[in-house]
Amino acid sequence: MKLQYLNFLLLGFLFLAPVDINAQDPYLQTENKTAEEIAIALTRDYQAELGMTVEQGSKFRQKVEEFQIRRQKIDKMDLPMPEKMVLMKKLSRQETAEIANILTNPQLRAYKRLKRSMQPEQVTIN
């Protein structure tokens, strides 16, 4: 009986939770956003999908911000596009490996699936 009550409360909360829907991908529009702002937005969205604890969310945000700073540095490098893409791919793999130390195995599987759409590997053309 108690379990049914908790399920009912959880279901009610999910229906009442605000939903943020955007027509454009907010993560691709980074020209005026800081690494911290991007990390906060990504963490909020991943947290909603992965069910991270508060502690996981805090560590996750710090890690995402760290890698966002690295992405911005690579993006500003004066390198040919193919070389930048190679660096971005390596950075993305490294980020996933370090995020694996924060998330549980089920969360990590979901993160890898979500990351393809939420954080596509990209380079800005100058």
N, C-alpha and C. Protein backbone atom coordinates (compact mmCIF):
# COMPACT_ATOMS: atom_id res chain seq x y z
N MET A 1 0.83 -1.19 0.00
CA MET A 1 0.00 0.00 0.00
C MET A 1 0.87 1.26 0.00
N LYS A 2 1.93 1.23 0.84
CA LYS A 2 2.81 2.38 0.94
C LYS A 2 3.54 2.61 -0.39
N LEU A 3 3.92 1.52 -1.06
CA LEU A 3 4.61 1.61 -2.34
C LEU A 3 3.69 2.22 -3.41
N GLN A 4 2.44 1.85 -3.41
CA GLN A 4 1.49 2.41 -4.37
C GLN A 4 1.33 3.91 -4.13
N TYR A 5 1.30 4.31 -2.88
CA TYR A 5 1.17 5.73 -2.54
C TYR A 5 2.38 6.51 -3.06
N LEU A 6 3.59 5.95 -2.86
CA LEU A 6 4.80 6.60 -3.35
C LEU A 6 4.82 6.68 -4.87
N ASN A 7 4.39 5.62 -5.53
CA ASN A 7 4.31 5.64 -6.99
C ASN A 7 3.32 6.70 -7.46
N PHE A 8 2.21 6.81 -6.77
CA PHE A 8 1.20 7.81 -7.12
C PHE A 8 1.78 9.22 -6.96
N LEU A 9 2.50 9.46 -5.87
CA LEU A 9 3.11 10.78 -5.65
C LEU A 9 4.15 11.08 -6.72
N LEU A 10 4.97 10.09 -7.05
CA LEU A 10 5.98 10.28 -8.08
C LEU A 10 5.34 10.59 -9.43
N LEU A 11 4.32 9.84 -9.77
CA LEU A 11 3.62 10.07 -11.03
C LEU A 11 3.00 11.47 -11.05
N GLY A 12 2.40 11.87 -9.94
CA GLY A 12 1.82 13.21 -9.85
C GLY A 12 2.87 14.28 -10.00
N PHE A 13 4.03 14.09 -9.40
CA PHE A 13 5.12 15.05 -9.52
C PHE A 13 5.59 15.17 -10.96
N LEU A 14 5.70 14.04 -11.65
CA LEU A 14 6.16 14.07 -13.04
C LEU A 14 5.21 14.86 -13.94
N PHE A 15 3.91 14.73 -13.68
CA PHE A 15 2.94 15.46 -14.49
C PHE A 15 2.93 16.95 -14.18
N LEU A 16 3.30 17.29 -12.96
CA LEU A 16 3.29 18.69 -12.56
C LEU A 16 4.62 19.39 -12.80
N ALA A 17 5.66 18.62 -13.07
CA ALA A 17 6.98 19.20 -13.29
C ALA A 17 6.98 20.03 -14.56
N PRO A 18 7.64 21.20 -14.53
CA PRO A 18 7.70 22.02 -15.74
C PRO A 18 8.53 21.35 -16.82
N VAL A 19 8.12 21.52 -18.05
CA VAL A 19 8.82 20.95 -19.19
C VAL A 19 9.38 22.08 -20.03
N ASP A 20 10.66 22.00 -20.35
CA ASP A 20 11.33 23.02 -21.13
C ASP A 20 11.52 22.48 -22.55
N ILE A 21 10.79 23.04 -23.50
CA ILE A 21 10.89 22.60 -24.88
C ILE A 21 11.40 23.76 -25.73
N ASN A 22 12.44 23.48 -26.49
CA ASN A 22 13.03 24.50 -27.35
C ASN A 22 13.02 24.01 -28.78
N ALA A 23 12.74 24.91 -29.70
CA ALA A 23 12.73 24.56 -31.11
C ALA A 23 14.15 24.40 -31.64
N GLN A 24 15.09 25.14 -31.05
CA GLN A 24 16.47 25.05 -31.48
C GLN A 24 17.30 24.43 -30.36
N ASP A 25 18.40 23.83 -30.72
CA ASP A 25 19.27 23.20 -29.74
C ASP A 25 20.03 24.29 -28.97
N PRO A 26 19.76 24.48 -27.68
CA PRO A 26 20.40 25.57 -26.94
C PRO A 26 21.89 25.34 -26.72
N TYR A 27 22.37 24.10 -26.83
CA TYR A 27 23.77 23.83 -26.59
C TYR A 27 24.64 24.20 -27.78
N LEU A 28 24.04 24.32 -28.95
CA LEU A 28 24.80 24.68 -30.13
C LEU A 28 25.00 26.18 -30.24
N GLN A 29 24.25 26.94 -29.48
CA GLN A 29 24.33 28.39 -29.54
C GLN A 29 25.17 28.90 -28.37
N THR A 30 26.48 28.71 -28.46
CA THR A 30 27.35 28.98 -27.33
C THR A 30 28.14 30.28 -27.44
N GLU A 31 27.96 31.03 -28.48
CA GLU A 31 28.81 32.20 -28.69
C GLU A 31 28.76 33.20 -27.54
N ASN A 32 27.65 33.34 -26.85
CA ASN A 32 27.54 34.30 -25.77
C ASN A 32 27.44 33.64 -24.40
N LYS A 33 27.58 32.34 -24.34
CA LYS A 33 27.46 31.63 -23.07
C LYS A 33 28.83 31.24 -22.54
N THR A 34 28.96 31.31 -21.23
CA THR A 34 30.20 30.87 -20.61
C THR A 34 30.15 29.36 -20.42
N ALA A 35 31.31 28.79 -20.14
CA ALA A 35 31.39 27.35 -19.88
C ALA A 35 30.51 26.98 -18.69
N GLU A 36 30.47 27.86 -17.69
CA GLU A 36 29.65 27.60 -16.51
C GLU A 36 28.16 27.57 -16.86
N GLU A 37 27.70 28.52 -17.66
CA GLU A 37 26.29 28.56 -18.05
C GLU A 37 25.90 27.31 -18.85
N ILE A 38 26.78 26.89 -19.74
CA ILE A 38 26.52 25.70 -20.55
C ILE A 38 26.48 24.47 -19.64
N ALA A 39 27.44 24.39 -18.70
CA ALA A 39 27.49 23.25 -17.79
C ALA A 39 26.24 23.18 -16.92
N ILE A 40 25.76 24.31 -16.45
CA ILE A 40 24.56 24.33 -15.63
C ILE A 40 23.36 23.84 -16.42
N ALA A 41 23.22 24.33 -17.66
CA ALA A 41 22.08 23.93 -18.49
C ALA A 41 22.15 22.44 -18.84
N LEU A 42 23.34 21.97 -19.21
CA LEU A 42 23.48 20.55 -19.54
C LEU A 42 23.21 19.67 -18.33
N THR A 43 23.74 20.07 -17.19
CA THR A 43 23.54 19.29 -15.97
C THR A 43 22.06 19.21 -15.62
N ARG A 44 21.37 20.32 -15.74
CA ARG A 44 19.93 20.35 -15.44
C ARG A 44 19.19 19.35 -16.34
N ASP A 45 19.52 19.34 -17.61
CA ASP A 45 18.82 18.47 -18.55
C ASP A 45 19.22 17.00 -18.37
N TYR A 46 20.50 16.75 -18.15
CA TYR A 46 20.92 15.38 -17.90
C TYR A 46 20.33 14.87 -16.58
N GLN A 47 20.31 15.73 -15.57
CA GLN A 47 19.80 15.32 -14.27
C GLN A 47 18.34 14.90 -14.38
N ALA A 48 17.59 15.59 -15.19
CA ALA A 48 16.19 15.23 -15.39
C ALA A 48 16.05 13.87 -16.04
N GLU A 49 16.96 13.53 -16.92
CA GLU A 49 16.90 12.26 -17.64
C GLU A 49 17.55 11.10 -16.87
N LEU A 50 18.60 11.39 -16.11
CA LEU A 50 19.38 10.34 -15.47
C LEU A 50 19.02 10.09 -14.01
N GLY A 51 18.32 11.01 -13.40
CA GLY A 51 17.97 10.85 -11.99
C GLY A 51 19.19 10.87 -11.08
N MET A 52 20.09 11.81 -11.33
CA MET A 52 21.30 11.92 -10.51
C MET A 52 20.97 12.42 -9.11
N THR A 53 21.78 12.00 -8.15
CA THR A 53 21.67 12.55 -6.80
C THR A 53 22.24 13.96 -6.81
N VAL A 54 22.05 14.69 -5.72
CA VAL A 54 22.59 16.05 -5.62
C VAL A 54 24.11 16.01 -5.73
N GLU A 55 24.72 15.05 -5.04
CA GLU A 55 26.18 14.94 -5.08
C GLU A 55 26.67 14.61 -6.49
N GLN A 56 26.00 13.69 -7.16
CA GLN A 56 26.36 13.35 -8.53
C GLN A 56 26.21 14.58 -9.43
N GLY A 57 25.11 15.31 -9.26
CA GLY A 57 24.85 16.49 -10.07
C GLY A 57 25.94 17.54 -9.92
N SER A 58 26.40 17.74 -8.70
CA SER A 58 27.45 18.73 -8.44
C SER A 58 28.77 18.31 -9.11
N LYS A 59 29.15 17.05 -8.94
CA LYS A 59 30.38 16.56 -9.56
C LYS A 59 30.26 16.57 -11.09
N PHE A 60 29.09 16.21 -11.58
CA PHE A 60 28.83 16.18 -13.01
C PHE A 60 28.97 17.58 -13.60
N ARG A 61 28.36 18.58 -12.95
CA ARG A 61 28.43 19.96 -13.44
C ARG A 61 29.88 20.44 -13.50
N GLN A 62 30.65 20.15 -12.47
CA GLN A 62 32.06 20.57 -12.46
C GLN A 62 32.84 19.92 -13.60
N LYS A 63 32.57 18.64 -13.83
CA LYS A 63 33.27 17.91 -14.89
C LYS A 63 32.87 18.45 -16.27
N VAL A 64 31.58 18.68 -16.47
CA VAL A 64 31.10 19.21 -17.75
C VAL A 64 31.69 20.60 -18.00
N GLU A 65 31.76 21.42 -16.97
CA GLU A 65 32.34 22.76 -17.13
C GLU A 65 33.81 22.66 -17.51
N GLU A 66 34.54 21.79 -16.85
CA GLU A 66 35.96 21.58 -17.16
C GLU A 66 36.15 21.22 -18.63
N PHE A 67 35.34 20.31 -19.13
CA PHE A 67 35.48 19.88 -20.52
C PHE A 67 34.94 20.93 -21.49
N GLN A 68 33.97 21.72 -21.08
CA GLN A 68 33.47 22.79 -21.94
C GLN A 68 34.55 23.84 -22.16
N ILE A 69 35.31 24.13 -21.11
CA ILE A 69 36.43 25.07 -21.24
C ILE A 69 37.46 24.52 -22.24
N ARG A 70 37.73 23.23 -22.15
CA ARG A 70 38.68 22.61 -23.09
C ARG A 70 38.14 22.67 -24.51
N ARG A 71 36.84 22.43 -24.67
CA ARG A 71 36.23 22.50 -26.02
C ARG A 71 36.39 23.90 -26.60
N GLN A 72 36.14 24.91 -25.78
CA GLN A 72 36.25 26.29 -26.26
C GLN A 72 37.68 26.62 -26.65
N LYS A 73 38.65 26.08 -25.93
CA LYS A 73 40.06 26.30 -26.28
C LYS A 73 40.40 25.64 -27.61
N ILE A 74 39.94 24.42 -27.80
CA ILE A 74 40.20 23.72 -29.07
C ILE A 74 39.53 24.48 -30.21
N ASP A 75 38.31 24.95 -29.98
CA ASP A 75 37.57 25.67 -31.00
C ASP A 75 38.30 26.93 -31.46
N LYS A 76 39.04 27.56 -30.56
CA LYS A 76 39.75 28.80 -30.87
C LYS A 76 41.13 28.56 -31.48
N MET A 77 41.59 27.31 -31.50
CA MET A 77 42.90 27.01 -32.06
C MET A 77 42.93 27.25 -33.56
N ASP A 78 44.08 27.67 -34.04
CA ASP A 78 44.26 27.89 -35.47
C ASP A 78 44.75 26.60 -36.11
N LEU A 79 43.82 25.66 -36.28
CA LEU A 79 44.12 24.36 -36.85
C LEU A 79 43.14 24.06 -37.97
N PRO A 80 43.53 23.20 -38.91
CA PRO A 80 42.58 22.78 -39.94
C PRO A 80 41.40 22.04 -39.28
N MET A 81 40.26 22.14 -39.91
CA MET A 81 39.04 21.55 -39.39
C MET A 81 39.16 20.07 -39.05
N PRO A 82 39.77 19.25 -39.92
CA PRO A 82 39.89 17.82 -39.58
C PRO A 82 40.68 17.57 -38.28
N GLU A 83 41.72 18.38 -38.05
CA GLU A 83 42.51 18.22 -36.83
C GLU A 83 41.69 18.62 -35.59
N LYS A 84 40.91 19.68 -35.73
CA LYS A 84 40.05 20.10 -34.61
C LYS A 84 39.04 19.01 -34.28
N MET A 85 38.47 18.40 -35.31
CA MET A 85 37.48 17.34 -35.09
C MET A 85 38.11 16.14 -34.38
N VAL A 86 39.33 15.80 -34.74
CA VAL A 86 40.03 14.69 -34.08
C VAL A 86 40.22 15.03 -32.60
N LEU A 87 40.64 16.25 -32.31
CA LEU A 87 40.83 16.67 -30.92
C LEU A 87 39.51 16.66 -30.15
N MET A 88 38.43 17.12 -30.80
CA MET A 88 37.12 17.14 -30.15
C MET A 88 36.63 15.72 -29.84
N LYS A 89 36.86 14.80 -30.76
CA LYS A 89 36.44 13.41 -30.54
C LYS A 89 37.21 12.79 -29.37
N LYS A 90 38.52 13.04 -29.33
CA LYS A 90 39.33 12.53 -28.22
C LYS A 90 38.85 13.13 -26.89
N LEU A 91 38.57 14.41 -26.92
CA LEU A 91 38.09 15.10 -25.71
C LEU A 91 36.75 14.53 -25.26
N SER A 92 35.87 14.27 -26.20
CA SER A 92 34.56 13.71 -25.87
C SER A 92 34.70 12.33 -25.24
N ARG A 93 35.58 11.51 -25.77
CA ARG A 93 35.81 10.17 -25.20
C ARG A 93 36.39 10.28 -23.79
N GLN A 94 37.29 11.23 -23.60
CA GLN A 94 37.89 11.42 -22.28
C GLN A 94 36.83 11.90 -21.28
N GLU A 95 35.97 12.80 -21.73
CA GLU A 95 34.90 13.29 -20.87
C GLU A 95 33.99 12.14 -20.43
N THR A 96 33.60 11.30 -21.37
CA THR A 96 32.74 10.16 -21.05
C THR A 96 33.43 9.24 -20.04
N ALA A 97 34.72 9.01 -20.22
CA ALA A 97 35.48 8.15 -19.30
C ALA A 97 35.49 8.74 -17.89
N GLU A 98 35.62 10.05 -17.78
CA GLU A 98 35.66 10.67 -16.46
C GLU A 98 34.26 10.76 -15.85
N ILE A 99 33.25 10.96 -16.67
CA ILE A 99 31.87 10.97 -16.19
C ILE A 99 31.50 9.58 -15.66
N ALA A 100 32.11 8.54 -16.21
CA ALA A 100 31.84 7.17 -15.77
C ALA A 100 32.18 6.99 -14.29
N ASN A 101 33.09 7.80 -13.77
CA ASN A 101 33.45 7.72 -12.35
C ASN A 101 32.40 8.37 -11.45
N ILE A 102 31.45 9.08 -12.03
CA ILE A 102 30.42 9.80 -11.27
C ILE A 102 29.09 9.05 -11.29
N LEU A 103 28.77 8.47 -12.44
CA LEU A 103 27.45 7.85 -12.64
C LEU A 103 27.46 6.36 -12.33
N THR A 104 26.28 5.83 -12.07
CA THR A 104 26.12 4.37 -11.95
C THR A 104 26.14 3.79 -13.35
N ASN A 105 26.28 2.47 -13.47
CA ASN A 105 26.31 1.84 -14.79
C ASN A 105 25.03 2.11 -15.60
N PRO A 106 23.83 1.97 -15.03
CA PRO A 106 22.63 2.29 -15.81
C PRO A 106 22.58 3.76 -16.23
N GLN A 107 23.00 4.65 -15.33
CA GLN A 107 23.03 6.07 -15.68
C GLN A 107 24.03 6.33 -16.80
N LEU A 108 25.17 5.67 -16.75
CA LEU A 108 26.20 5.86 -17.77
C LEU A 108 25.72 5.41 -19.14
N ARG A 109 25.03 4.28 -19.18
CA ARG A 109 24.48 3.81 -20.47
C ARG A 109 23.51 4.85 -21.03
N ALA A 110 22.65 5.38 -20.18
CA ALA A 110 21.69 6.39 -20.64
C ALA A 110 22.42 7.67 -21.05
N TYR A 111 23.44 8.05 -20.29
CA TYR A 111 24.24 9.25 -20.60
C TYR A 111 24.87 9.13 -21.99
N LYS A 112 25.45 7.99 -22.28
CA LYS A 112 26.10 7.78 -23.59
C LYS A 112 25.08 7.91 -24.72
N ARG A 113 23.89 7.39 -24.50
CA ARG A 113 22.84 7.48 -25.51
C ARG A 113 22.39 8.93 -25.70
N LEU A 114 22.19 9.63 -24.58
CA LEU A 114 21.72 11.02 -24.63
C LEU A 114 22.78 11.98 -25.16
N LYS A 115 24.03 11.69 -24.87
CA LYS A 115 25.12 12.60 -25.22
C LYS A 115 25.19 12.86 -26.72
N ARG A 116 24.86 11.85 -27.51
CA ARG A 116 24.91 12.01 -28.97
C ARG A 116 24.05 13.17 -29.45
N SER A 117 22.90 13.35 -28.82
CA SER A 117 22.01 14.44 -29.25
C SER A 117 22.20 15.71 -28.43
N MET A 118 22.54 15.56 -27.15
CA MET A 118 22.67 16.74 -26.29
C MET A 118 24.02 17.44 -26.42
N GLN A 119 25.05 16.68 -26.77
CA GLN A 119 26.39 17.25 -26.92
C GLN A 119 27.07 16.69 -28.17
N PRO A 120 26.54 17.00 -29.34
CA PRO A 120 27.18 16.48 -30.56
C PRO A 120 28.58 17.07 -30.72
N GLU A 121 29.47 16.28 -31.27
CA GLU A 121 30.82 16.77 -31.53
C GLU A 121 30.74 17.78 -32.66
N GLN A 122 31.26 18.97 -32.38
CA GLN A 122 31.14 20.05 -33.36
C GLN A 122 32.33 21.00 -33.25
N VAL A 123 32.59 21.70 -34.33
CA VAL A 123 33.65 22.70 -34.37
C VAL A 123 33.06 23.93 -35.04
N THR A 124 33.37 25.10 -34.49
CA THR A 124 32.89 26.34 -35.07
C THR A 124 33.79 26.75 -36.23
N ILE A 125 33.19 27.10 -37.34
CA ILE A 125 33.94 27.55 -38.52
C ILE A 125 34.10 29.05 -38.42
N ASN A 126 35.37 29.49 -38.42
CA ASN A 126 35.65 30.94 -38.27
C ASN A 126 35.61 31.65 -39.58
